[in-house]
Amino acid sequence: GFGLKGGASFGASGNGIRFAATGEAVVDAASMYASSGATITLPRLTRLAGEGGCCPEHWIDASGLGSVLDLSAVTFLDGGNYMYVRARNGGRIVLTALEQKEAGRVRLIAQDEGSRVEVPNLRTFASGEFSVLGGATLDLSRLSSASALHINASAGGVLRLPALTRLAGEGGCCPEYYIDASGLGSVLDLRAVSVIEA
C-alpha cells in the first residue's frame, strides 16, 4: 500500500517519470507534488483529507508541461484548515469521481496556459476558493450550488460555471467573500445563477 500522513510530503519530478501505487492508498494531512513532466497515479485512493487546527496547509500540486496528479478515484475531500489543489505551468490534476466536498477549506487553482484542474462531476462546494489565471482550465461544469467562497478570474483567465444556480455567503461575525474578474480578457460566467444569499 501507499500512505502519507501527519504532514508528510511525496513528489515525483522529471519528464517521463511515472509513479503508480496499485494497492490501497491513504493520504491524510499530507502533500503531493508532480513536476517537470512526472505523473503520479493513485487508482485506489478514495479519500483525501487535510488537517484541522490553527495553521496547517497542504498542497496537491502539478507543475510543468505534462505533469499529472491522477486522483480520479477520490470521492471524499476534506480540506482541513486549508488545502491547495493547484495546477500550474501546464500541469494537470484529475479528480473526476469527486461529487461533493465534505468539509474544510479548499482552494482550487488553475494557472498558466494549458494547466487543468478537472473536477467535472463536483455538484456542491462550501468554503474555499476557485481561481483561474491566464489560459488555464478549471472544469466545474456540473457544479450547481456553492457557498462561502471566493471566485476569481485574472490575467485573462476564463471561468465558466454553466450549472451553478445558487451562490451563498456565510453567517457569523465577519466573513467576506468576493467575486472578481481582473485583467484584459478575464471572464467569470455565472449566467445560470438565480439565487444569491448574503
Protein backbone atom coordinates (compact mmCIF):
# COMPACT_ATOMS: atom_id res chain seq x y z
CA GLY A 1 0.00 0.00 0.00
CA PHE A 2 0.84 3.68 -0.14
CA GLY A 3 0.47 6.00 2.84
CA LEU A 4 1.15 9.67 3.60
CA LYS A 5 0.18 11.09 6.98
CA GLY A 6 0.93 13.73 9.55
CA GLY A 7 2.45 16.49 7.42
CA ALA A 8 4.46 14.18 5.15
CA SER A 9 5.01 15.03 1.50
CA PHE A 10 5.69 13.00 -1.63
CA GLY A 11 6.85 14.13 -5.04
CA ALA A 12 7.90 12.93 -8.46
CA SER A 13 9.87 15.10 -10.87
CA GLY A 14 11.22 14.65 -14.37
CA ASN A 15 9.92 14.09 -17.87
CA GLY A 16 8.71 10.51 -18.29
CA ILE A 17 8.91 9.68 -14.58
CA ARG A 18 5.83 7.69 -13.56
CA PHE A 19 4.75 6.55 -10.11
CA ALA A 20 1.66 4.36 -9.64
CA ALA A 21 0.50 2.80 -6.38
CA THR A 22 -1.80 -0.03 -7.34
CA GLY A 23 -2.58 -1.12 -3.78
CA GLU A 24 -4.59 0.62 -1.08
CA ALA A 25 -3.63 4.26 -0.65
CA VAL A 26 -4.07 6.73 2.22
CA VAL A 27 -3.32 10.46 2.08
CA ASP A 28 -4.19 12.16 5.35
CA ALA A 29 -2.84 15.62 6.30
CA ALA A 30 -0.09 15.38 3.67
CA SER A 31 1.05 16.97 0.41
CA MET A 32 1.81 15.64 -3.08
CA TYR A 33 3.75 17.20 -5.94
CA ALA A 34 4.21 16.21 -9.58
CA SER A 35 6.61 18.40 -11.55
CA SER A 36 8.64 18.72 -14.76
CA GLY A 37 6.58 16.14 -16.67
CA ALA A 38 6.18 13.47 -13.99
CA THR A 39 2.96 11.51 -13.38
CA ILE A 40 1.60 10.27 -10.04
CA THR A 41 -1.34 7.87 -10.24
CA LEU A 42 -3.26 6.58 -7.20
CA PRO A 43 -6.11 4.49 -8.61
CA ARG A 44 -7.26 3.21 -5.20
CA LEU A 45 -7.12 6.47 -3.28
CA THR A 46 -10.74 7.33 -2.44
CA ARG A 47 -10.29 9.76 0.46
CA LEU A 48 -8.22 12.93 0.55
CA ALA A 49 -8.10 14.81 3.85
CA GLY A 50 -6.31 17.81 5.30
CA GLU A 51 -5.73 18.65 8.93
CA GLY A 52 -7.75 20.94 11.18
CA GLY A 53 -6.47 23.31 13.79
CA CYS A 54 -4.78 26.67 13.62
CA CYS A 55 -2.31 26.76 10.76
CA PRO A 56 -1.66 23.57 8.73
CA GLU A 57 -1.72 23.88 4.94
CA HIS A 58 -1.45 21.03 2.46
CA TRP A 59 -0.70 21.07 -1.26
CA ILE A 60 -1.86 18.90 -4.13
CA ASP A 61 0.26 20.42 -6.87
CA ALA A 62 1.05 19.61 -10.51
CA SER A 63 3.61 21.91 -12.10
CA GLY A 64 5.12 21.84 -15.57
CA LEU A 65 4.02 20.69 -19.00
CA GLY A 66 2.94 17.04 -18.91
CA SER A 67 2.91 16.79 -15.11
CA VAL A 68 -0.14 14.88 -13.85
CA LEU A 69 -1.63 14.03 -10.48
CA ASP A 70 -4.24 11.39 -11.26
CA LEU A 71 -6.57 11.12 -8.27
CA SER A 72 -9.54 10.04 -10.32
CA ALA A 73 -10.89 7.61 -7.68
CA VAL A 74 -11.22 10.21 -4.90
CA THR A 75 -14.82 10.54 -3.73
CA PHE A 76 -14.23 12.18 -0.32
CA LEU A 77 -12.46 15.52 0.11
CA ASP A 78 -11.95 17.28 3.45
CA GLY A 79 -9.66 20.27 3.17
CA GLY A 80 -8.96 20.65 6.87
CA ASN A 81 -7.63 24.10 7.77
CA TYR A 82 -6.57 24.74 4.17
CA MET A 83 -5.80 22.53 1.20
CA TYR A 84 -4.49 23.93 -2.06
CA VAL A 85 -5.25 21.97 -5.23
CA ARG A 86 -3.19 23.73 -7.89
CA ALA A 87 -2.16 23.07 -11.49
CA ARG A 88 0.35 25.49 -12.99
CA ASN A 89 2.75 25.85 -15.91
CA GLY A 90 0.90 23.18 -17.92
CA GLY A 91 0.23 20.71 -15.10
CA ARG A 92 -2.95 18.66 -14.73
CA ILE A 93 -4.89 17.40 -11.69
CA VAL A 94 -7.66 14.82 -12.17
CA LEU A 95 -10.49 14.47 -9.61
CA THR A 96 -13.20 13.12 -11.86
CA ALA A 97 -15.03 10.96 -9.28
CA LEU A 98 -15.49 13.76 -6.75
CA GLU A 99 -19.12 14.89 -6.44
CA GLN A 100 -19.13 16.76 -3.12
CA LYS A 101 -16.58 18.47 -0.92
CA GLU A 102 -17.29 17.17 2.56
CA ALA A 103 -15.65 19.71 4.89
CA GLY A 104 -12.73 22.03 5.50
CA ARG A 105 -11.42 24.76 3.20
CA VAL A 106 -10.12 24.03 -0.29
CA ARG A 107 -8.62 26.32 -2.89
CA LEU A 108 -8.92 25.06 -6.47
CA ILE A 109 -6.37 26.96 -8.54
CA ALA A 110 -5.58 26.62 -12.26
CA GLN A 111 -2.93 28.98 -13.55
CA ASP A 112 -0.92 29.45 -16.75
CA GLU A 113 -1.58 28.30 -20.30
CA GLY A 114 -2.52 24.64 -20.65
CA SER A 115 -2.93 23.89 -16.94
CA ARG A 116 -6.03 21.92 -15.94
CA VAL A 117 -7.85 21.08 -12.72
CA GLU A 118 -10.58 18.61 -13.65
CA VAL A 119 -13.49 18.22 -11.23
CA PRO A 120 -16.32 17.81 -13.76
CA ASN A 121 -18.71 15.88 -11.51
CA LEU A 122 -18.50 18.12 -8.42
CA ARG A 123 -22.02 19.30 -7.63
CA THR A 124 -21.77 21.08 -4.26
CA PHE A 125 -18.95 23.03 -2.69
CA ALA A 126 -18.65 25.04 0.52
CA SER A 127 -15.78 27.08 1.95
CA GLY A 128 -12.73 27.91 -0.13
CA GLU A 129 -11.78 29.47 -3.42
CA PHE A 130 -11.94 28.99 -7.20
CA SER A 131 -9.20 30.78 -9.16
CA VAL A 132 -8.30 30.73 -12.86
CA LEU A 133 -5.30 32.68 -14.13
CA GLY A 134 -4.19 33.00 -17.72
CA GLY A 135 -5.14 30.31 -20.23
CA ALA A 136 -5.76 27.60 -17.64
CA THR A 137 -8.90 25.47 -17.24
CA LEU A 138 -10.86 24.76 -14.06
CA ASP A 139 -13.57 22.26 -15.02
CA LEU A 140 -16.55 22.61 -12.67
CA SER A 141 -19.13 22.04 -15.35
CA ARG A 142 -21.72 20.32 -13.12
CA LEU A 143 -21.39 22.47 -10.01
CA SER A 144 -24.90 23.59 -9.04
CA SER A 145 -24.54 25.01 -5.51
CA ALA A 146 -21.66 26.84 -3.84
CA SER A 147 -21.25 28.79 -0.63
CA ALA A 148 -18.69 30.66 1.46
CA LEU A 149 -16.05 31.06 -1.21
CA HIS A 150 -14.03 33.49 -3.28
CA ILE A 151 -14.28 33.24 -7.08
CA ASN A 152 -11.54 34.83 -9.15
CA ALA A 153 -10.53 35.10 -12.80
CA SER A 154 -7.43 37.14 -13.60
CA ALA A 155 -4.69 37.71 -16.17
CA GLY A 156 -7.07 36.74 -18.99
CA GLY A 157 -8.46 33.71 -17.16
CA VAL A 158 -11.91 32.41 -18.00
CA LEU A 159 -14.10 30.50 -15.54
CA ARG A 160 -17.48 29.27 -16.68
CA LEU A 161 -19.93 27.69 -14.23
CA PRO A 162 -22.84 26.74 -16.51
CA ALA A 163 -24.79 24.67 -13.94
CA LEU A 164 -24.35 26.97 -10.92
CA THR A 165 -27.76 28.24 -9.85
CA ARG A 166 -27.19 29.06 -6.16
CA LEU A 167 -24.42 31.11 -4.61
CA ALA A 168 -24.40 31.80 -0.86
CA GLY A 169 -22.28 33.56 1.71
CA GLU A 170 -21.81 32.56 5.33
CA GLY A 171 -23.27 33.81 8.58
CA GLY A 172 -21.39 34.78 11.69
CA CYS A 173 -19.32 37.73 12.76
CA CYS A 174 -17.06 38.83 9.93
CA PRO A 175 -16.99 36.65 6.80
CA GLU A 176 -16.43 38.45 3.50
CA TYR A 177 -16.35 36.86 0.06
CA TYR A 178 -15.59 38.27 -3.36
CA ILE A 179 -16.45 37.54 -6.97
CA ASP A 180 -13.75 39.17 -9.06
CA ALA A 181 -12.67 39.32 -12.69
CA SER A 182 -9.44 41.27 -13.16
CA GLY A 183 -7.37 41.96 -16.27
CA LEU A 184 -7.97 42.17 -20.00
CA GLY A 185 -9.96 39.19 -21.27
CA SER A 186 -10.77 37.80 -17.82
CA VAL A 187 -14.29 36.37 -17.58
CA LEU A 188 -16.47 34.94 -14.82
CA ASP A 189 -19.52 33.40 -16.45
CA LEU A 190 -22.20 32.89 -13.79
CA ARG A 191 -25.19 33.36 -16.07
CA ALA A 192 -27.18 30.45 -14.60
CA VAL A 193 -27.14 31.84 -11.04
CA SER A 194 -30.69 32.63 -9.96
CA VAL A 195 -30.25 32.75 -6.18
CA ILE A 196 -27.64 34.79 -4.28
CA GLU A 197 -27.77 34.65 -0.48
CA ALA A 198 -25.62 37.02 1.56
